[in-house]
């Protein structure tokens, strides 16, 4: 019977541990993921589910030819540690891919990509 109690404690621990999300996942963005915007944004904003380590978090925006169209120097917002922002060059009508890679304050790295369209 003592094994049943130990087994129950192990199962409880696994359930609690698996329900935690230790990674900074993309919560939302502006422009929104997969959206079409009428006018070109001047800045890309990415909100994550955890605070980020500024020195190890980055984002790039590329046009359909693969050329970078962001100004570089992505920054974590000083007043909101879960917000990563980067200025954009003037964007003509077209499709753009956002590629992000971030390190959360709990030392887990995540990355992803999505597209948005500027135009009609």
C-alpha atoms as a PDB file:
ATOM      1  CA  UNK A   1       0.000   0.000   0.000  1.00  0.00           C
ATOM      2  CA  UNK A   2       2.858   2.416   0.572  1.00  0.00           C
ATOM      3  CA  UNK A   3       3.660   2.138  -3.138  1.00  0.00           C
ATOM      4  CA  UNK A   4       0.170   3.350  -4.000  1.00  0.00           C
ATOM      5  CA  UNK A   5       0.785   6.554  -2.018  1.00  0.00           C
ATOM      6  CA  UNK A   6       4.163   7.058  -3.684  1.00  0.00           C
ATOM      7  CA  UNK A   7       2.674   6.430  -7.097  1.00  0.00           C
ATOM      8  CA  UNK A   8      -0.105   8.938  -6.390  1.00  0.00           C
ATOM      9  CA  UNK A   9       2.463  11.591  -5.395  1.00  0.00           C
ATOM     10  CA  UNK A  10       4.491  10.976  -8.571  1.00  0.00           C
ATOM     11  CA  UNK A  11       1.393  11.215 -10.772  1.00  0.00           C
ATOM     12  CA  UNK A  12       0.312  14.428  -9.035  1.00  0.00           C
ATOM     13  CA  UNK A  13       3.774  15.924  -9.567  1.00  0.00           C
ATOM     14  CA  UNK A  14       3.735  14.999 -13.271  1.00  0.00           C
ATOM     15  CA  UNK A  15       0.289  16.541 -13.759  1.00  0.00           C
ATOM     16  CA  UNK A  16       1.338  19.797 -12.094  1.00  0.00           C
ATOM     17  CA  UNK A  17       4.673  19.945 -13.916  1.00  0.00           C
ATOM     18  CA  UNK A  18       3.124  19.313 -17.322  1.00  0.00           C
ATOM     19  CA  UNK A  19       0.491  21.998 -16.829  1.00  0.00           C
ATOM     20  CA  UNK A  20       3.114  24.729 -16.404  1.00  0.00           C
ATOM     21  CA  UNK A  21       4.223  26.560 -19.556  1.00  0.00           C
ATOM     22  CA  UNK A  22       7.899  27.390 -19.026  1.00  0.00           C
ATOM     23  CA  UNK A  23       8.393  28.845 -22.502  1.00  0.00           C
ATOM     24  CA  UNK A  24       7.747  32.333 -23.819  1.00  0.00           C
ATOM     25  CA  UNK A  25       5.156  31.720 -26.518  1.00  0.00           C
ATOM     26  CA  UNK A  26       3.861  34.353 -28.901  1.00  0.00           C
ATOM     27  CA  UNK A  27       0.609  35.665 -27.427  1.00  0.00           C
ATOM     28  CA  UNK A  28      -0.297  38.237 -30.101  1.00  0.00           C
ATOM     29  CA  UNK A  29       1.263  40.651 -32.561  1.00  0.00           C
ATOM     30  CA  UNK A  30       0.626  43.950 -34.308  1.00  0.00           C
ATOM     31  CA  UNK A  31       0.180  43.533 -37.256  1.00  0.00           C
ATOM     32  CA  UNK A  32      -1.726  40.384 -36.323  1.00  0.00           C
ATOM     33  CA  UNK A  33      -0.546  36.955 -37.400  1.00  0.00           C
ATOM     34  CA  UNK A  34      -1.822  36.225 -40.924  1.00  0.00           C
ATOM     35  CA  UNK A  35      -3.543  39.588 -41.238  1.00  0.00           C
ATOM     36  CA  UNK A  36      -3.853  41.967 -44.169  1.00  0.00           C
ATOM     37  CA  UNK A  37      -3.375  45.615 -43.278  1.00  0.00           C
ATOM     38  CA  UNK A  38      -4.410  48.518 -45.503  1.00  0.00           C
ATOM     39  CA  UNK A  39      -1.400  50.684 -44.693  1.00  0.00           C
ATOM     40  CA  UNK A  40       2.164  49.744 -43.844  1.00  0.00           C
ATOM     41  CA  UNK A  41       3.013  49.681 -40.136  1.00  0.00           C
ATOM     42  CA  UNK A  42       6.004  51.689 -38.949  1.00  0.00           C
ATOM     43  CA  UNK A  43       6.766  49.178 -36.199  1.00  0.00           C
ATOM     44  CA  UNK A  44       6.243  45.498 -35.438  1.00  0.00           C
ATOM     45  CA  UNK A  45       5.087  44.611 -31.912  1.00  0.00           C
ATOM     46  CA  UNK A  46       5.206  41.074 -30.495  1.00  0.00           C
ATOM     47  CA  UNK A  47       3.767  40.176 -27.082  1.00  0.00           C
ATOM     48  CA  UNK A  48       4.867  36.945 -25.414  1.00  0.00           C
ATOM     49  CA  UNK A  49       3.488  34.898 -22.536  1.00  0.00           C
ATOM     50  CA  UNK A  50       6.576  35.557 -20.374  1.00  0.00           C
ATOM     51  CA  UNK A  51       9.133  38.279 -19.857  1.00  0.00           C
ATOM     52  CA  UNK A  52      12.101  38.148 -22.219  1.00  0.00           C
ATOM     53  CA  UNK A  53      15.869  38.413 -21.849  1.00  0.00           C
ATOM     54  CA  UNK A  54      16.655  41.496 -23.991  1.00  0.00           C
ATOM     55  CA  UNK A  55      20.196  40.478 -24.979  1.00  0.00           C
ATOM     56  CA  UNK A  56      19.010  37.138 -26.401  1.00  0.00           C
ATOM     57  CA  UNK A  57      15.690  38.023 -28.040  1.00  0.00           C
ATOM     58  CA  UNK A  58      15.423  39.079 -31.657  1.00  0.00           C
ATOM     59  CA  UNK A  59      13.026  39.465 -34.568  1.00  0.00           C
ATOM     60  CA  UNK A  60      13.525  39.921 -38.310  1.00  0.00           C
ATOM     61  CA  UNK A  61      11.021  40.942 -40.972  1.00  0.00           C
ATOM     62  CA  UNK A  62      11.685  39.938 -44.579  1.00  0.00           C
ATOM     63  CA  UNK A  63       9.912  40.696 -47.845  1.00  0.00           C
ATOM     64  CA  UNK A  64       8.913  38.071 -50.431  1.00  0.00           C
ATOM     65  CA  UNK A  65      12.434  38.241 -51.934  1.00  0.00           C
ATOM     66  CA  UNK A  66      14.034  37.515 -48.562  1.00  0.00           C
ATOM     67  CA  UNK A  67      15.399  41.047 -48.038  1.00  0.00           C
ATOM     68  CA  UNK A  68      15.272  42.393 -44.501  1.00  0.00           C
ATOM     69  CA  UNK A  69      12.822  45.254 -44.105  1.00  0.00           C
ATOM     70  CA  UNK A  70      13.187  45.891 -40.395  1.00  0.00           C
ATOM     71  CA  UNK A  71      15.580  48.518 -39.035  1.00  0.00           C
ATOM     72  CA  UNK A  72      17.343  45.971 -36.812  1.00  0.00           C
ATOM     73  CA  UNK A  73      17.971  46.495 -33.120  1.00  0.00           C
ATOM     74  CA  UNK A  74      14.837  44.791 -31.828  1.00  0.00           C
ATOM     75  CA  UNK A  75      14.209  45.843 -28.241  1.00  0.00           C
ATOM     76  CA  UNK A  76      12.292  44.531 -25.294  1.00  0.00           C
ATOM     77  CA  UNK A  77      10.036  47.325 -24.061  1.00  0.00           C
ATOM     78  CA  UNK A  78      11.375  48.711 -20.749  1.00  0.00           C
ATOM     79  CA  UNK A  79       7.872  49.081 -19.299  1.00  0.00           C
ATOM     80  CA  UNK A  80       6.619  45.648 -20.481  1.00  0.00           C
ATOM     81  CA  UNK A  81       9.198  42.867 -20.418  1.00  0.00           C
ATOM     82  CA  UNK A  82       6.982  40.613 -22.538  1.00  0.00           C
ATOM     83  CA  UNK A  83       6.852  43.051 -25.496  1.00  0.00           C
ATOM     84  CA  UNK A  84       9.455  42.845 -28.275  1.00  0.00           C
ATOM     85  CA  UNK A  85       9.423  45.679 -30.810  1.00  0.00           C
ATOM     86  CA  UNK A  86      11.339  46.622 -33.940  1.00  0.00           C
ATOM     87  CA  UNK A  87      11.023  49.594 -36.310  1.00  0.00           C
ATOM     88  CA  UNK A  88      10.231  48.859 -39.953  1.00  0.00           C
ATOM     89  CA  UNK A  89      11.447  50.474 -43.152  1.00  0.00           C
ATOM     90  CA  UNK A  90       8.689  51.882 -45.406  1.00  0.00           C
ATOM     91  CA  UNK A  91       6.872  48.794 -46.691  1.00  0.00           C
ATOM     92  CA  UNK A  92       5.330  48.646 -50.157  1.00  0.00           C
ATOM     93  CA  UNK A  93       2.331  46.448 -50.902  1.00  0.00           C
ATOM     94  CA  UNK A  94       3.288  42.804 -50.490  1.00  0.00           C
ATOM     95  CA  UNK A  95       3.737  39.819 -48.214  1.00  0.00           C
ATOM     96  CA  UNK A  96       6.123  39.864 -45.250  1.00  0.00           C
ATOM     97  CA  UNK A  97       7.513  37.106 -43.063  1.00  0.00           C
ATOM     98  CA  UNK A  98       8.280  37.698 -39.397  1.00  0.00           C
ATOM     99  CA  UNK A  99      10.901  35.433 -37.814  1.00  0.00           C
ATOM    100  CA  UNK A 100      11.371  35.615 -34.062  1.00  0.00           C
ATOM    101  CA  UNK A 101      13.643  33.889 -31.571  1.00  0.00           C
ATOM    102  CA  UNK A 102      13.409  34.753 -27.897  1.00  0.00           C
ATOM    103  CA  UNK A 103      14.855  33.687 -24.574  1.00  0.00           C
ATOM    104  CA  UNK A 104      12.481  33.923 -21.635  1.00  0.00           C
ATOM    105  CA  UNK A 105      13.678  34.944 -18.186  1.00  0.00           C
ATOM    106  CA  UNK A 106      13.395  31.287 -17.142  1.00  0.00           C
ATOM    107  CA  UNK A 107      16.108  30.470 -19.777  1.00  0.00           C
ATOM    108  CA  UNK A 108      13.954  28.635 -22.332  1.00  0.00           C
ATOM    109  CA  UNK A 109      14.395  29.568 -26.006  1.00  0.00           C
ATOM    110  CA  UNK A 110      11.508  29.538 -28.470  1.00  0.00           C
ATOM    111  CA  UNK A 111      11.198  30.615 -32.064  1.00  0.00           C
ATOM    112  CA  UNK A 112       8.600  30.949 -34.743  1.00  0.00           C
ATOM    113  CA  UNK A 113       7.466  32.707 -37.861  1.00  0.00           C
ATOM    114  CA  UNK A 114       4.337  34.112 -39.404  1.00  0.00           C
ATOM    115  CA  UNK A 115       3.243  36.269 -42.318  1.00  0.00           C
ATOM    116  CA  UNK A 116       1.260  39.425 -42.771  1.00  0.00           C
ATOM    117  CA  UNK A 117       0.280  41.308 -45.926  1.00  0.00           C
ATOM    118  CA  UNK A 118       0.344  45.012 -46.688  1.00  0.00           C
ATOM    119  CA  UNK A 119      -2.217  45.954 -49.305  1.00  0.00           C
ATOM    120  CA  UNK A 120      -5.824  45.652 -50.255  1.00  0.00           C
END
